[in-house]
Amino acid sequence: MTKKIYVLHENNEWTNHLEKRLEELNLPYETWHLDAGTVNLSEEPPEGIFYNRMSASSHTRDHRYAPELTGAVIDWLEFYGRKVLNGSNALRLELSKVKQYTQLEQFGIQTPKTVVAVGKENILTAAKSLNITPFITKHNRAGKGLGVQLFYSLQALEEYVNGTSYEEPVDGITLIQQYIKSPESFITRVEFVGGKNIYSVRVDTSEGFELCPADACQIGDLFCPAGEQPQMRAKFEIVENPRKELIEKYGKFLTSNGIEVAGIEFIVDENGTAYTYDVNTNTNYNSDAEANAQKFGMLELAKLLGRELEKL
């Protein structure tokens, strides 16, 4: 049987670009759509290279248990010694901002001050404990800007939590977090493939938290690079990143956590301090920004998968 590249996912719209690149490079592949299914633990998996791009926001597409099924599949693959890019630890990080922040801090990477709350009644208690205004709320298992709200007072938070617009987090965990204001209204996303920084993207955040109008789009809190039509000014621009030390720390963090592919986002406050707030292990790329810079993330990823397949 021919050894293949297997792509584990739950959203066809996010694998199209990768499939085109794999075909362009004439690489054999198969996609496994893991919104539901079975895993026979006593049967050996096929030979090949497995790439996990399961998303924390799968439940917003009615794939509530896709991450859990993917976790079972990856445990099965790893048990049989199969090579999984973005394996079980990467999946755990994708599904928990708490795990992201604690791991980032271990590598000297500053994250916003955060208090964890489970239970509606404890969200206000958490905000009092944070004791910083303004602040934001966000979901621990996020994507698509889920639960991201900005508050200037405890009273406003109380009205939100007890009102009809309150969003229940899928895992029950709400984060109350220090709000970092960018004086120039942008964030930077640093893209890695195969442990190497391929480029950085400057993202205009002047329109607020949810920037992407596409249904197929995943917003990593402030950012969604899904190749939308260009607007009056570029929201996404590939730039030279001056923060070399931060990029180096990101590389060490990813390697230590067994993450081959990721987009990591940071924001800089008025004092020039960088705060890292999101690690996206199923990263997408903005087609307009890539066309302008002639740098292509999915092509680099397809090449990486091809190299790994050759090693077999």
Protein backbone atom coordinates (compact mmCIF):
# COMPACT_ATOMS: atom_id res chain seq x y z
CA MET A 1 0.00 0.00 0.00
CA THR A 2 1.29 3.47 -0.89
CA LYS A 3 2.35 5.56 2.09
CA LYS A 4 0.39 8.79 2.23
CA ILE A 5 -0.01 12.08 4.00
CA TYR A 6 -3.15 12.04 6.15
CA VAL A 7 -4.76 15.36 7.12
CA LEU A 8 -6.95 15.23 10.27
CA HIS A 9 -9.55 18.02 10.34
CA GLU A 10 -13.23 18.96 10.65
CA ASN A 11 -13.65 21.77 8.12
CA ASN A 12 -13.23 21.17 4.39
CA GLU A 13 -12.97 24.89 3.65
CA TRP A 14 -9.73 25.05 5.63
CA THR A 15 -8.06 22.13 3.85
CA ASN A 16 -8.74 23.19 0.24
CA HIS A 17 -5.62 25.36 -0.04
CA LEU A 18 -3.40 22.66 1.44
CA GLU A 19 -4.87 20.01 -0.87
CA LYS A 20 -4.09 22.20 -3.90
CA ARG A 21 -0.48 22.52 -2.78
CA LEU A 22 -0.14 18.77 -2.12
CA GLU A 23 -1.49 18.08 -5.62
CA GLU A 24 0.84 20.70 -7.08
CA LEU A 25 3.78 18.82 -5.52
CA ASN A 26 2.34 15.48 -6.66
CA LEU A 27 2.17 14.15 -3.08
CA PRO A 28 -0.22 11.29 -2.18
CA TYR A 29 -2.69 12.34 0.50
CA GLU A 30 -6.00 11.59 2.15
CA THR A 31 -8.18 13.74 4.40
CA TRP A 32 -9.89 12.39 7.51
CA HIS A 33 -12.92 14.47 8.47
CA LEU A 34 -13.24 13.70 12.17
CA ASP A 35 -16.54 15.22 13.26
CA ALA A 36 -17.79 11.72 14.19
CA GLY A 37 -16.66 8.13 13.77
CA THR A 38 -14.99 5.14 15.42
CA VAL A 39 -11.45 4.10 16.36
CA ASN A 40 -10.54 0.41 16.68
CA LEU A 41 -7.60 0.51 19.08
CA SER A 42 -6.57 -3.08 18.29
CA GLU A 43 -6.21 -2.38 14.56
CA GLU A 44 -2.96 -0.89 13.28
CA PRO A 45 -3.22 2.48 11.50
CA PRO A 46 -2.04 2.83 7.89
CA GLU A 47 1.57 3.76 7.22
CA GLY A 48 2.13 7.42 6.52
CA ILE A 49 2.56 10.92 7.88
CA PHE A 50 -0.33 12.39 9.85
CA TYR A 51 -0.98 16.11 10.19
CA ASN A 52 -3.47 17.38 12.78
CA ARG A 53 -5.33 20.60 12.07
CA MET A 54 -8.26 20.18 14.42
CA SER A 55 -9.81 23.46 15.53
CA ALA A 56 -10.88 24.72 18.94
CA SER A 57 -13.91 26.33 17.27
CA SER A 58 -15.27 23.08 15.78
CA HIS A 59 -18.38 23.22 18.01
CA THR A 60 -19.47 26.39 16.18
CA ARG A 61 -19.87 24.22 13.06
CA ASP A 62 -21.93 21.59 14.92
CA HIS A 63 -18.86 19.38 15.39
CA ARG A 64 -18.98 19.46 19.17
CA TYR A 65 -16.95 16.31 19.82
CA ALA A 66 -14.53 16.52 16.88
CA PRO A 67 -11.59 17.50 19.14
CA GLU A 68 -12.32 14.58 21.46
CA LEU A 69 -12.47 12.14 18.55
CA THR A 70 -9.28 13.63 17.11
CA GLY A 71 -7.61 13.20 20.50
CA ALA A 72 -8.55 9.51 20.48
CA VAL A 73 -7.28 9.10 16.90
CA ILE A 74 -3.96 10.81 17.71
CA ASP A 75 -3.47 8.69 20.85
CA TRP A 76 -4.07 5.61 18.69
CA LEU A 77 -1.60 6.81 16.03
CA GLU A 78 1.06 7.71 18.58
CA PHE A 79 0.61 4.36 20.36
CA TYR A 80 1.48 2.60 17.11
CA GLY A 81 4.48 4.86 16.54
CA ARG A 82 3.09 6.87 13.65
CA LYS A 83 4.56 10.31 13.01
CA VAL A 84 1.95 12.95 13.86
CA LEU A 85 2.74 16.60 13.13
CA ASN A 86 0.99 18.76 15.74
CA GLY A 87 0.30 15.67 17.85
CA SER A 88 -1.47 15.15 21.16
CA ASN A 89 0.27 17.96 23.04
CA ALA A 90 -0.41 20.44 20.24
CA LEU A 91 -4.09 19.48 20.38
CA ARG A 92 -4.19 20.08 24.13
CA LEU A 93 -2.71 23.55 23.58
CA GLU A 94 -5.18 24.32 20.79
CA LEU A 95 -8.09 23.53 23.10
CA SER A 96 -6.94 25.48 26.17
CA LYS A 97 -5.73 29.04 26.48
CA VAL A 98 -4.87 28.27 30.11
CA LYS A 99 -2.39 25.65 28.88
CA GLN A 100 -1.08 28.09 26.26
CA TYR A 101 -0.43 30.84 28.79
CA THR A 102 1.21 28.63 31.40
CA GLN A 103 3.49 27.07 28.76
CA LEU A 104 4.36 30.45 27.20
CA GLU A 105 5.29 31.89 30.59
CA GLN A 106 7.64 28.93 31.18
CA PHE A 107 9.70 30.21 28.25
CA GLY A 108 9.80 33.79 29.52
CA ILE A 109 7.07 34.92 27.11
CA GLN A 110 4.83 37.53 28.73
CA THR A 111 1.07 36.95 28.58
CA PRO A 112 -1.74 39.24 29.79
CA LYS A 113 -2.77 38.84 33.45
CA THR A 114 -5.61 36.33 33.51
CA VAL A 115 -8.04 34.86 36.05
CA VAL A 116 -9.95 31.63 35.30
CA ALA A 117 -13.63 31.28 36.22
CA VAL A 118 -15.99 28.31 36.06
CA GLY A 119 -19.63 29.04 36.82
CA LYS A 120 -21.47 32.24 35.96
CA GLU A 121 -21.45 33.41 39.55
CA ASN A 122 -17.63 33.26 39.65
CA ILE A 123 -17.00 35.46 36.60
CA LEU A 124 -17.64 38.63 38.61
CA THR A 125 -15.51 37.29 41.46
CA ALA A 126 -12.70 36.65 38.97
CA ALA A 127 -12.95 40.22 37.62
CA LYS A 128 -12.70 41.60 41.16
CA SER A 129 -9.67 39.38 41.72
CA LEU A 130 -8.01 40.65 38.53
CA ASN A 131 -8.59 44.20 39.78
CA ILE A 132 -7.67 45.84 36.45
CA THR A 133 -9.87 47.99 34.21
CA PRO A 134 -10.58 47.86 31.40
CA PHE A 135 -10.57 44.09 30.98
CA ILE A 136 -11.85 41.51 28.52
CA THR A 137 -13.59 38.16 28.79
CA LYS A 138 -12.81 35.29 26.44
CA HIS A 139 -13.47 31.57 26.23
CA ASN A 140 -10.75 29.10 27.18
CA ARG A 141 -11.63 26.89 24.19
CA ALA A 142 -12.07 29.61 21.67
CA GLY A 143 -11.76 30.51 18.00
CA LYS A 144 -14.05 32.85 16.03
CA GLY A 145 -13.70 35.50 18.73
CA LEU A 146 -15.90 33.47 21.08
CA GLY A 147 -16.73 35.25 24.31
CA VAL A 148 -14.40 38.16 23.59
CA GLN A 149 -15.98 41.23 25.15
CA LEU A 150 -14.42 44.47 26.43
CA PHE A 151 -15.57 45.93 29.76
CA TYR A 152 -14.81 49.20 31.49
CA SER A 153 -16.53 48.37 34.78
CA LEU A 154 -17.71 45.51 36.98
CA GLN A 155 -21.28 46.76 36.56
CA ALA A 156 -21.07 46.34 32.77
CA LEU A 157 -19.75 42.81 33.25
CA GLU A 158 -22.57 41.96 35.65
CA GLU A 159 -25.16 43.19 33.15
CA TYR A 160 -23.56 41.07 30.41
CA VAL A 161 -23.31 37.90 32.50
CA ASN A 162 -26.94 38.19 33.61
CA GLY A 163 -28.23 39.35 30.22
CA THR A 164 -29.45 37.56 27.10
CA SER A 165 -26.26 38.11 25.05
CA TYR A 166 -24.06 36.08 27.41
CA GLU A 167 -22.21 33.23 25.64
CA GLU A 168 -21.65 30.04 27.63
CA PRO A 169 -18.14 28.65 26.99
CA VAL A 170 -18.17 25.12 25.55
CA ASP A 171 -15.81 23.80 28.24
CA GLY A 172 -17.33 25.92 31.01
CA ILE A 173 -14.18 28.05 31.44
CA THR A 174 -14.30 31.82 31.04
CA LEU A 175 -11.10 33.88 31.20
CA ILE A 176 -11.07 37.39 32.67
CA GLN A 177 -8.05 39.13 31.21
CA GLN A 178 -6.11 42.37 31.29
CA TYR A 179 -6.97 44.44 28.20
CA ILE A 180 -3.89 45.40 26.22
CA LYS A 181 -4.43 48.50 24.08
CA SER A 182 -2.31 48.90 20.98
CA PRO A 183 -1.72 52.62 20.34
CA GLU A 184 -1.50 51.93 16.59
CA SER A 185 -4.39 49.40 16.54
CA PHE A 186 -2.61 46.36 15.22
CA ILE A 187 -1.42 42.95 16.34
CA THR A 188 1.33 40.77 14.90
CA ARG A 189 0.99 37.12 14.03
CA VAL A 190 4.18 35.07 13.70
CA GLU A 191 3.88 32.03 11.45
CA PHE A 192 5.97 28.89 11.93
CA VAL A 193 6.21 25.81 9.71
CA GLY A 194 8.52 22.95 10.64
CA GLY A 195 9.78 24.92 13.62
CA LYS A 196 10.98 27.76 11.38
CA ASN A 197 9.57 31.29 11.26
CA ILE A 198 8.34 31.73 7.67
CA TYR A 199 7.03 35.29 8.09
CA SER A 200 5.12 37.72 10.32
CA VAL A 201 1.81 39.41 9.54
CA ARG A 202 0.71 42.82 10.78
CA VAL A 203 -3.05 42.82 11.30
CA ASP A 204 -5.16 45.98 11.49
CA THR A 205 -7.49 45.72 14.51
CA SER A 206 -9.07 49.17 14.27
CA GLU A 207 -12.48 47.63 13.54
CA GLY A 208 -12.54 45.70 16.81
CA PHE A 209 -12.26 42.11 17.93
CA GLU A 210 -14.11 40.26 15.18
CA LEU A 211 -12.46 41.30 11.94
CA CYS A 212 -13.49 38.55 9.57
CA PRO A 213 -16.85 38.55 7.74
CA ALA A 214 -16.55 35.01 6.36
CA ASP A 215 -18.48 32.09 7.80
CA ALA A 216 -15.52 29.84 7.04
CA CYS A 217 -13.22 32.05 8.98
CA GLN A 218 -11.51 31.30 12.28
CA ILE A 219 -10.69 34.36 14.30
CA GLY A 220 -7.91 33.77 16.79
CA ASP A 221 -9.51 36.36 19.08
CA LEU A 222 -8.45 39.30 16.95
CA PHE A 223 -7.39 37.73 13.70
CA CYS A 224 -8.72 35.69 10.84
CA PRO A 225 -6.56 35.10 7.77
CA ALA A 226 -9.00 33.32 5.45
CA GLY A 227 -8.23 35.00 2.15
CA GLU A 228 -11.14 37.41 1.99
CA GLN A 229 -11.57 40.08 -0.71
CA PRO A 230 -9.17 43.03 -0.28
CA GLN A 231 -10.69 46.06 1.40
CA MET A 232 -9.90 49.78 1.10
CA ARG A 233 -6.75 49.26 3.14
CA ALA A 234 -4.93 46.02 3.79
CA LYS A 235 -5.90 44.39 7.04
CA PHE A 236 -3.18 41.79 6.61
CA GLU A 237 0.36 42.71 5.59
CA ILE A 238 3.49 40.55 5.74
CA VAL A 239 6.17 42.63 7.46
CA GLU A 240 9.69 42.46 8.83
CA ASN A 241 9.38 41.59 12.51
CA PRO A 242 11.86 43.53 14.67
CA ARG A 243 11.31 41.37 17.75
CA LYS A 244 13.94 38.73 17.01
CA GLU A 245 14.28 37.70 20.67
CA LEU A 246 10.55 36.98 20.87
CA ILE A 247 10.66 34.91 17.67
CA GLU A 248 13.54 32.90 19.14
CA LYS A 249 11.55 32.23 22.33
CA TYR A 250 8.53 31.19 20.26
CA GLY A 251 10.69 28.69 18.38
CA LYS A 252 11.92 27.10 21.61
CA PHE A 253 8.39 27.02 23.04
CA LEU A 254 7.02 25.26 19.93
CA THR A 255 9.85 22.73 19.74
CA SER A 256 9.53 21.86 23.42
CA ASN A 257 5.78 21.36 23.05
CA GLY A 258 6.01 19.21 19.91
CA ILE A 259 4.32 21.77 17.66
CA GLU A 260 5.50 21.89 14.05
CA VAL A 261 2.94 24.35 12.63
CA ALA A 262 1.47 27.38 14.41
CA GLY A 263 0.59 31.06 14.25
CA ILE A 264 1.38 32.94 17.46
CA GLU A 265 -0.14 36.36 18.09
CA PHE A 266 1.18 39.25 20.16
CA ILE A 267 0.18 42.84 20.81
CA VAL A 268 2.38 45.76 21.90
CA ASP A 269 1.13 48.33 24.44
CA GLU A 270 1.94 52.05 24.63
CA ASN A 271 5.10 51.28 26.67
CA GLY A 272 6.45 48.99 23.97
CA THR A 273 5.80 45.81 25.99
CA ALA A 274 4.77 42.78 23.93
CA TYR A 275 2.04 40.49 25.29
CA THR A 276 1.46 37.11 23.65
CA TYR A 277 -2.19 36.04 23.84
CA ASP A 278 -2.91 33.27 21.32
CA VAL A 279 -1.33 30.14 19.88
CA ASN A 280 -3.20 28.80 16.86
CA THR A 281 -2.05 25.33 15.87
CA ASN A 282 -4.41 25.04 12.88
CA THR A 283 -3.28 28.29 11.33
CA ASN A 284 -4.66 29.68 8.07
CA TYR A 285 -3.00 32.21 5.78
CA ASN A 286 -4.24 35.37 4.10
CA SER A 287 -4.03 35.00 0.31
CA ASP A 288 -3.78 38.72 -0.49
CA ALA A 289 -0.93 39.32 1.94
CA GLU A 290 0.89 36.25 0.62
CA ALA A 291 0.44 37.28 -3.02
CA ASN A 292 1.87 40.72 -2.25
CA ALA A 293 4.90 39.30 -0.43
CA GLN A 294 5.28 36.19 -2.62
CA LYS A 295 5.51 34.00 0.48
CA PHE A 296 3.12 31.06 0.78
CA GLY A 297 2.41 29.27 4.06
CA MET A 298 0.48 26.30 2.67
CA LEU A 299 3.21 25.66 0.11
CA GLU A 300 5.82 25.56 2.89
CA LEU A 301 3.56 23.22 4.85
CA ALA A 302 3.05 20.90 1.85
CA LYS A 303 6.82 20.80 1.32
CA LEU A 304 7.32 19.92 5.01
CA LEU A 305 4.80 17.07 4.78
CA GLY A 306 6.53 15.85 1.61
CA ARG A 307 9.92 15.82 3.35
CA GLU A 308 8.49 13.89 6.29
CA LEU A 309 6.90 11.36 3.92
CA GLU A 310 10.25 10.86 2.17
CA LYS A 311 11.88 10.00 5.50
CA LEU A 312 9.60 6.95 5.77
